[in-house]
Amino acid sequence: MQVTYLFEVFWFITLILSFIHFSKQTSWKDACVFFIPALIWGYSLEFFGIIIYKMYFYPTQNYILVLFNVPLTIAAGWATMLYLGYYLTTKLLHAKKNIKMDIETALISTSFDIILLEPLAFIYKLWIWTQNNLWFGAPLLNFIGWFFGISIFMATYGFTTNKVKDKNKQLTLMLILLIPAKIFLHLIGITYFLFFSTF
């Protein structure tokens, strides 16, 4: 069995467990408000990241579930990492929903990518960077993307859940607000890419 298959199974199982955990902490509707946008956000980051920056690719022949050159397990991984960072920040560090919490969540989740995901990806070719760069092939832009991607998502989530109480409206507003958030994030990425792409 290929490592990528185990990687897929792992992230889908952790996604389900994370959803159940969130549901027990609050409600299944609250979990949907978090996880549905998180899955879409994670997938779109990867999809547009590959198209715009062309700095990495997935060996899609090694994955089972793939949509437009992005393994769906990557979206599951993003959603799970977002929740892990959010849970550790709010429950263990007792951070309140504000910009500090967004930054702490981003730092925790980005640290997991640096310490665990990138080395594993490099060893097992889960994804492949087109040039050997800063850390196990990953350039600095990758970690900047992780940090801002998570910060922006969490800020959008915090704003939405504070402003709107109806869960259906929360979900709708969240999905709408993530569109300009996505544009803003890629403007940051493109600016960095144009001026500092060698790092």
C-alpha atoms as a PDB file:
ATOM      1  CA  MET A   1       0.000   0.000   0.000  1.00  0.00           C
ATOM      2  CA  GLN A   2       1.347   3.432  -0.945  1.00  0.00           C
ATOM      3  CA  VAL A   3       2.013   5.992   1.770  1.00  0.00           C
ATOM      4  CA  THR A   4      -0.245   8.449  -0.048  1.00  0.00           C
ATOM      5  CA  TYR A   5      -3.211   6.118   0.509  1.00  0.00           C
ATOM      6  CA  LEU A   6      -2.490   6.063   4.235  1.00  0.00           C
ATOM      7  CA  PHE A   7      -2.096   9.847   4.112  1.00  0.00           C
ATOM      8  CA  GLU A   8      -5.542  10.141   2.514  1.00  0.00           C
ATOM      9  CA  VAL A   9      -7.214   7.819   5.000  1.00  0.00           C
ATOM     10  CA  PHE A  10      -5.541   9.585   7.930  1.00  0.00           C
ATOM     11  CA  TRP A  11      -6.792  13.051   6.977  1.00  0.00           C
ATOM     12  CA  PHE A  12     -10.321  11.930   6.179  1.00  0.00           C
ATOM     13  CA  ILE A  13     -10.566  10.100   9.511  1.00  0.00           C
ATOM     14  CA  THR A  14      -9.157  13.066  11.440  1.00  0.00           C
ATOM     15  CA  LEU A  15     -11.591  15.360   9.613  1.00  0.00           C
ATOM     16  CA  ILE A  16     -14.548  13.215  10.697  1.00  0.00           C
ATOM     17  CA  LEU A  17     -13.247  12.997  14.265  1.00  0.00           C
ATOM     18  CA  SER A  18     -12.663  16.763  14.346  1.00  0.00           C
ATOM     19  CA  PHE A  19     -16.187  17.410  13.087  1.00  0.00           C
ATOM     20  CA  ILE A  20     -17.644  15.110  15.760  1.00  0.00           C
ATOM     21  CA  HIS A  21     -15.480  16.745  18.436  1.00  0.00           C
ATOM     22  CA  PHE A  22     -16.562  20.253  17.398  1.00  0.00           C
ATOM     23  CA  SER A  23     -20.215  19.123  17.313  1.00  0.00           C
ATOM     24  CA  LYS A  24     -19.990  17.811  20.868  1.00  0.00           C
ATOM     25  CA  GLN A  25     -18.367  21.049  22.031  1.00  0.00           C
ATOM     26  CA  THR A  26     -21.131  23.161  20.475  1.00  0.00           C
ATOM     27  CA  SER A  27     -23.573  21.736  17.894  1.00  0.00           C
ATOM     28  CA  TRP A  28     -23.470  20.069  14.483  1.00  0.00           C
ATOM     29  CA  LYS A  29     -24.687  23.329  12.912  1.00  0.00           C
ATOM     30  CA  ASP A  30     -21.768  25.203  14.455  1.00  0.00           C
ATOM     31  CA  ALA A  31     -19.458  22.492  13.146  1.00  0.00           C
ATOM     32  CA  CYS A  32     -20.903  22.942   9.640  1.00  0.00           C
ATOM     33  CA  VAL A  33     -20.350  26.713   9.823  1.00  0.00           C
ATOM     34  CA  PHE A  34     -16.670  26.030  10.529  1.00  0.00           C
ATOM     35  CA  PHE A  35     -15.877  22.947   8.471  1.00  0.00           C
ATOM     36  CA  ILE A  36     -17.746  23.554   5.199  1.00  0.00           C
ATOM     37  CA  PRO A  37     -15.979  26.895   4.574  1.00  0.00           C
ATOM     38  CA  ALA A  38     -12.708  25.420   5.900  1.00  0.00           C
ATOM     39  CA  LEU A  39     -12.838  22.597   3.347  1.00  0.00           C
ATOM     40  CA  ILE A  40     -13.627  25.003   0.502  1.00  0.00           C
ATOM     41  CA  TRP A  41     -10.962  27.450   1.705  1.00  0.00           C
ATOM     42  CA  GLY A  42      -8.301  24.760   1.949  1.00  0.00           C
ATOM     43  CA  TYR A  43      -9.106  23.315  -1.460  1.00  0.00           C
ATOM     44  CA  SER A  44      -9.166  26.722  -3.155  1.00  0.00           C
ATOM     45  CA  LEU A  45      -5.838  27.707  -1.576  1.00  0.00           C
ATOM     46  CA  GLU A  46      -4.235  24.638  -3.098  1.00  0.00           C
ATOM     47  CA  PHE A  47      -6.022  24.895  -6.448  1.00  0.00           C
ATOM     48  CA  PHE A  48      -5.126  28.534  -7.045  1.00  0.00           C
ATOM     49  CA  GLY A  49      -1.721  28.119  -5.396  1.00  0.00           C
ATOM     50  CA  ILE A  50      -0.726  25.549  -8.007  1.00  0.00           C
ATOM     51  CA  ILE A  51      -2.078  27.640 -10.900  1.00  0.00           C
ATOM     52  CA  ILE A  52      -0.736  31.034  -9.818  1.00  0.00           C
ATOM     53  CA  TYR A  53       2.659  30.228  -8.312  1.00  0.00           C
ATOM     54  CA  LYS A  54       3.598  26.972 -10.080  1.00  0.00           C
ATOM     55  CA  MET A  55       6.019  26.195  -7.251  1.00  0.00           C
ATOM     56  CA  TYR A  56       4.772  22.699  -6.444  1.00  0.00           C
ATOM     57  CA  PHE A  57       2.517  19.926  -7.661  1.00  0.00           C
ATOM     58  CA  TYR A  58       0.862  16.762  -6.419  1.00  0.00           C
ATOM     59  CA  PRO A  59       1.745  13.367  -7.906  1.00  0.00           C
ATOM     60  CA  THR A  60      -1.967  12.798  -8.506  1.00  0.00           C
ATOM     61  CA  GLN A  61      -1.428   9.290  -9.869  1.00  0.00           C
ATOM     62  CA  ASN A  62      -0.580   8.268  -6.291  1.00  0.00           C
ATOM     63  CA  TYR A  63      -3.854   9.546  -4.822  1.00  0.00           C
ATOM     64  CA  ILE A  64      -7.339   8.061  -5.026  1.00  0.00           C
ATOM     65  CA  LEU A  65      -9.601  11.131  -4.729  1.00  0.00           C
ATOM     66  CA  VAL A  66      -8.392  14.015  -6.895  1.00  0.00           C
ATOM     67  CA  LEU A  67     -10.231  17.052  -8.254  1.00  0.00           C
ATOM     68  CA  PHE A  68      -8.452  19.256 -10.824  1.00  0.00           C
ATOM     69  CA  ASN A  69      -4.951  18.122  -9.795  1.00  0.00           C
ATOM     70  CA  VAL A  70      -5.579  18.618  -6.069  1.00  0.00           C
ATOM     71  CA  PRO A  71      -6.092  15.569  -3.829  1.00  0.00           C
ATOM     72  CA  LEU A  72      -9.247  16.075  -1.776  1.00  0.00           C
ATOM     73  CA  THR A  73      -7.433  14.835   1.295  1.00  0.00           C
ATOM     74  CA  ILE A  74      -5.436  18.079   1.234  1.00  0.00           C
ATOM     75  CA  ALA A  75      -8.650  20.049   1.805  1.00  0.00           C
ATOM     76  CA  ALA A  76      -9.470  17.661   4.658  1.00  0.00           C
ATOM     77  CA  GLY A  77      -6.003  18.323   6.060  1.00  0.00           C
ATOM     78  CA  TRP A  78      -6.482  22.088   5.876  1.00  0.00           C
ATOM     79  CA  ALA A  79      -9.846  21.925   7.657  1.00  0.00           C
ATOM     80  CA  THR A  80      -8.451  19.638  10.348  1.00  0.00           C
ATOM     81  CA  MET A  81      -5.367  21.796  10.904  1.00  0.00           C
ATOM     82  CA  LEU A  82      -7.539  24.907  11.130  1.00  0.00           C
ATOM     83  CA  TYR A  83      -9.656  23.243  13.788  1.00  0.00           C
ATOM     84  CA  LEU A  84      -6.662  21.886  15.684  1.00  0.00           C
ATOM     85  CA  GLY A  85      -5.101  25.347  15.852  1.00  0.00           C
ATOM     86  CA  TYR A  86      -8.444  26.910  16.805  1.00  0.00           C
ATOM     87  CA  TYR A  87      -9.111  24.337  19.530  1.00  0.00           C
ATOM     88  CA  LEU A  88      -5.640  24.584  21.064  1.00  0.00           C
ATOM     89  CA  THR A  89      -5.834  28.375  21.031  1.00  0.00           C
ATOM     90  CA  THR A  90      -9.318  28.725  22.517  1.00  0.00           C
ATOM     91  CA  LYS A  91      -9.460  25.751  24.904  1.00  0.00           C
ATOM     92  CA  LEU A  92      -5.885  25.347  26.088  1.00  0.00           C
ATOM     93  CA  LEU A  93      -4.576  28.904  25.774  1.00  0.00           C
ATOM     94  CA  HIS A  94      -8.033  30.352  26.583  1.00  0.00           C
ATOM     95  CA  ALA A  95      -7.745  33.014  23.902  1.00  0.00           C
ATOM     96  CA  LYS A  96     -10.819  35.097  23.127  1.00  0.00           C
ATOM     97  CA  LYS A  97     -12.121  35.576  19.594  1.00  0.00           C
ATOM     98  CA  ASN A  98     -10.005  38.487  18.406  1.00  0.00           C
ATOM     99  CA  ILE A  99      -7.004  39.211  16.216  1.00  0.00           C
ATOM    100  CA  LYS A 100      -4.645  37.753  18.838  1.00  0.00           C
ATOM    101  CA  MET A 101      -6.501  34.435  18.670  1.00  0.00           C
ATOM    102  CA  ASP A 102      -6.342  34.482  14.863  1.00  0.00           C
ATOM    103  CA  ILE A 103      -2.582  35.004  14.948  1.00  0.00           C
ATOM    104  CA  GLU A 104      -2.027  32.353  17.631  1.00  0.00           C
ATOM    105  CA  THR A 105      -4.122  29.848  15.665  1.00  0.00           C
ATOM    106  CA  ALA A 106      -2.089  30.623  12.543  1.00  0.00           C
ATOM    107  CA  LEU A 107       1.213  30.234  14.403  1.00  0.00           C
ATOM    108  CA  ILE A 108       0.202  26.863  15.880  1.00  0.00           C
ATOM    109  CA  SER A 109      -1.080  25.464  12.578  1.00  0.00           C
ATOM    110  CA  THR A 110       1.870  26.801  10.576  1.00  0.00           C
ATOM    111  CA  SER A 111       4.233  25.245  13.120  1.00  0.00           C
ATOM    112  CA  PHE A 112       2.661  21.847  12.430  1.00  0.00           C
ATOM    113  CA  ASP A 113       3.341  22.325   8.725  1.00  0.00           C
ATOM    114  CA  ILE A 114       6.958  23.291   9.383  1.00  0.00           C
ATOM    115  CA  ILE A 115       7.718  20.574  11.932  1.00  0.00           C
ATOM    116  CA  LEU A 116       5.670  17.675  10.597  1.00  0.00           C
ATOM    117  CA  LEU A 117       4.021  18.043   7.194  1.00  0.00           C
ATOM    118  CA  GLU A 118       6.838  19.413   5.049  1.00  0.00           C
ATOM    119  CA  PRO A 119       9.433  16.842   6.210  1.00  0.00           C
ATOM    120  CA  LEU A 120       6.933  13.995   5.667  1.00  0.00           C
ATOM    121  CA  ALA A 121       5.942  15.362   2.268  1.00  0.00           C
ATOM    122  CA  PHE A 122       9.596  15.588   1.263  1.00  0.00           C
ATOM    123  CA  ILE A 123      10.404  12.033   2.374  1.00  0.00           C
ATOM    124  CA  TYR A 124       7.306  10.359   0.913  1.00  0.00           C
ATOM    125  CA  LYS A 125       6.721  12.692  -2.076  1.00  0.00           C
ATOM    126  CA  LEU A 126       3.224  13.637  -0.914  1.00  0.00           C
ATOM    127  CA  TRP A 127       3.724  16.844  -2.878  1.00  0.00           C
ATOM    128  CA  ILE A 128       6.767  17.994  -4.789  1.00  0.00           C
ATOM    129  CA  TRP A 129       8.327  21.448  -4.818  1.00  0.00           C
ATOM    130  CA  THR A 130       9.714  22.415  -8.211  1.00  0.00           C
ATOM    131  CA  GLN A 131      12.906  23.815  -6.707  1.00  0.00           C
ATOM    132  CA  ASN A 132      14.785  22.827  -3.577  1.00  0.00           C
ATOM    133  CA  ASN A 133      14.301  25.780  -1.292  1.00  0.00           C
ATOM    134  CA  LEU A 134      14.231  26.919   2.319  1.00  0.00           C
ATOM    135  CA  TRP A 135      12.906  23.919   4.299  1.00  0.00           C
ATOM    136  CA  PHE A 136      12.608  20.417   2.820  1.00  0.00           C
ATOM    137  CA  GLY A 137      12.066  22.019  -0.556  1.00  0.00           C
ATOM    138  CA  ALA A 138       9.400  24.456   0.646  1.00  0.00           C
ATOM    139  CA  PRO A 139      10.019  28.174   0.046  1.00  0.00           C
ATOM    140  CA  LEU A 140       9.324  30.914   2.573  1.00  0.00           C
ATOM    141  CA  LEU A 141       6.209  31.854   0.570  1.00  0.00           C
ATOM    142  CA  ASN A 142       4.634  28.549   1.613  1.00  0.00           C
ATOM    143  CA  PHE A 143       4.838  29.416   5.299  1.00  0.00           C
ATOM    144  CA  ILE A 144       3.741  32.990   4.683  1.00  0.00           C
ATOM    145  CA  GLY A 145       0.765  31.539   2.820  1.00  0.00           C
ATOM    146  CA  TRP A 146      -0.038  29.208   5.707  1.00  0.00           C
ATOM    147  CA  PHE A 147       0.160  32.021   8.248  1.00  0.00           C
ATOM    148  CA  PHE A 148      -1.943  34.537   6.331  1.00  0.00           C
ATOM    149  CA  GLY A 149      -4.310  31.887   4.984  1.00  0.00           C
ATOM    150  CA  ILE A 150      -5.174  30.711   8.483  1.00  0.00           C
ATOM    151  CA  SER A 151      -5.233  34.213  10.006  1.00  0.00           C
ATOM    152  CA  ILE A 152      -7.611  35.490   7.328  1.00  0.00           C
ATOM    153  CA  PHE A 153      -9.884  32.455   7.597  1.00  0.00           C
ATOM    154  CA  MET A 154     -10.067  32.723  11.389  1.00  0.00           C
ATOM    155  CA  ALA A 155     -10.682  36.487  11.260  1.00  0.00           C
ATOM    156  CA  THR A 156     -13.529  35.895   8.802  1.00  0.00           C
ATOM    157  CA  TYR A 157     -14.947  33.134  10.994  1.00  0.00           C
ATOM    158  CA  GLY A 158     -14.721  35.292  14.124  1.00  0.00           C
ATOM    159  CA  PHE A 159     -16.358  38.278  12.434  1.00  0.00           C
ATOM    160  CA  THR A 160     -19.176  36.154  11.010  1.00  0.00           C
ATOM    161  CA  THR A 161     -20.021  34.295  14.214  1.00  0.00           C
ATOM    162  CA  ASN A 162     -19.951  37.524  16.247  1.00  0.00           C
ATOM    163  CA  LYS A 163     -22.158  39.505  13.862  1.00  0.00           C
ATOM    164  CA  VAL A 164     -24.773  36.907  12.899  1.00  0.00           C
ATOM    165  CA  LYS A 165     -26.536  34.439  15.202  1.00  0.00           C
ATOM    166  CA  ASP A 166     -28.567  32.391  12.709  1.00  0.00           C
ATOM    167  CA  LYS A 167     -26.427  29.409  11.656  1.00  0.00           C
ATOM    168  CA  ASN A 168     -27.657  29.290   8.046  1.00  0.00           C
ATOM    169  CA  LYS A 169     -26.918  32.995   7.634  1.00  0.00           C
ATOM    170  CA  GLN A 170     -23.531  32.517   9.290  1.00  0.00           C
ATOM    171  CA  LEU A 171     -22.615  29.853   6.759  1.00  0.00           C
ATOM    172  CA  THR A 172     -23.820  31.939   3.808  1.00  0.00           C
ATOM    173  CA  LEU A 173     -22.030  35.079   5.006  1.00  0.00           C
ATOM    174  CA  MET A 174     -18.863  33.118   5.706  1.00  0.00           C
ATOM    175  CA  LEU A 175     -18.791  31.706   2.171  1.00  0.00           C
ATOM    176  CA  ILE A 176     -19.438  35.147   0.658  1.00  0.00           C
ATOM    177  CA  LEU A 177     -16.777  36.911   2.742  1.00  0.00           C
ATOM    178  CA  LEU A 178     -14.155  34.318   1.891  1.00  0.00           C
ATOM    179  CA  ILE A 179     -14.242  35.435  -1.767  1.00  0.00           C
ATOM    180  CA  PRO A 180     -12.699  38.899  -1.159  1.00  0.00           C
ATOM    181  CA  ALA A 181     -10.561  37.309   1.564  1.00  0.00           C
ATOM    182  CA  LYS A 182      -9.171  34.922  -1.052  1.00  0.00           C
ATOM    183  CA  ILE A 183      -8.412  37.802  -3.430  1.00  0.00           C
ATOM    184  CA  PHE A 184      -6.669  39.725  -0.636  1.00  0.00           C
ATOM    185  CA  LEU A 185      -4.598  36.682   0.314  1.00  0.00           C
ATOM    186  CA  HIS A 186      -3.424  36.142  -3.257  1.00  0.00           C
ATOM    187  CA  LEU A 187      -2.547  39.826  -3.622  1.00  0.00           C
ATOM    188  CA  ILE A 188      -0.205  39.338  -0.646  1.00  0.00           C
ATOM    189  CA  GLY A 189       1.182  36.170  -2.219  1.00  0.00           C
ATOM    190  CA  ILE A 190       1.655  37.647  -5.685  1.00  0.00           C
ATOM    191  CA  THR A 191       3.353  40.749  -4.244  1.00  0.00           C
ATOM    192  CA  TYR A 192       5.774  38.568  -2.306  1.00  0.00           C
ATOM    193  CA  PHE A 193       6.279  36.255  -5.289  1.00  0.00           C
ATOM    194  CA  LEU A 194       7.145  39.142  -7.629  1.00  0.00           C
ATOM    195  CA  PHE A 195       9.656  40.780  -5.301  1.00  0.00           C
ATOM    196  CA  PHE A 196      11.086  37.950  -3.202  1.00  0.00           C
ATOM    197  CA  SER A 197      10.492  34.767  -5.196  1.00  0.00           C
ATOM    198  CA  THR A 198      14.045  33.499  -4.696  1.00  0.00           C
ATOM    199  CA  PHE A 199      13.461  32.830  -0.967  1.00  0.00           C
END
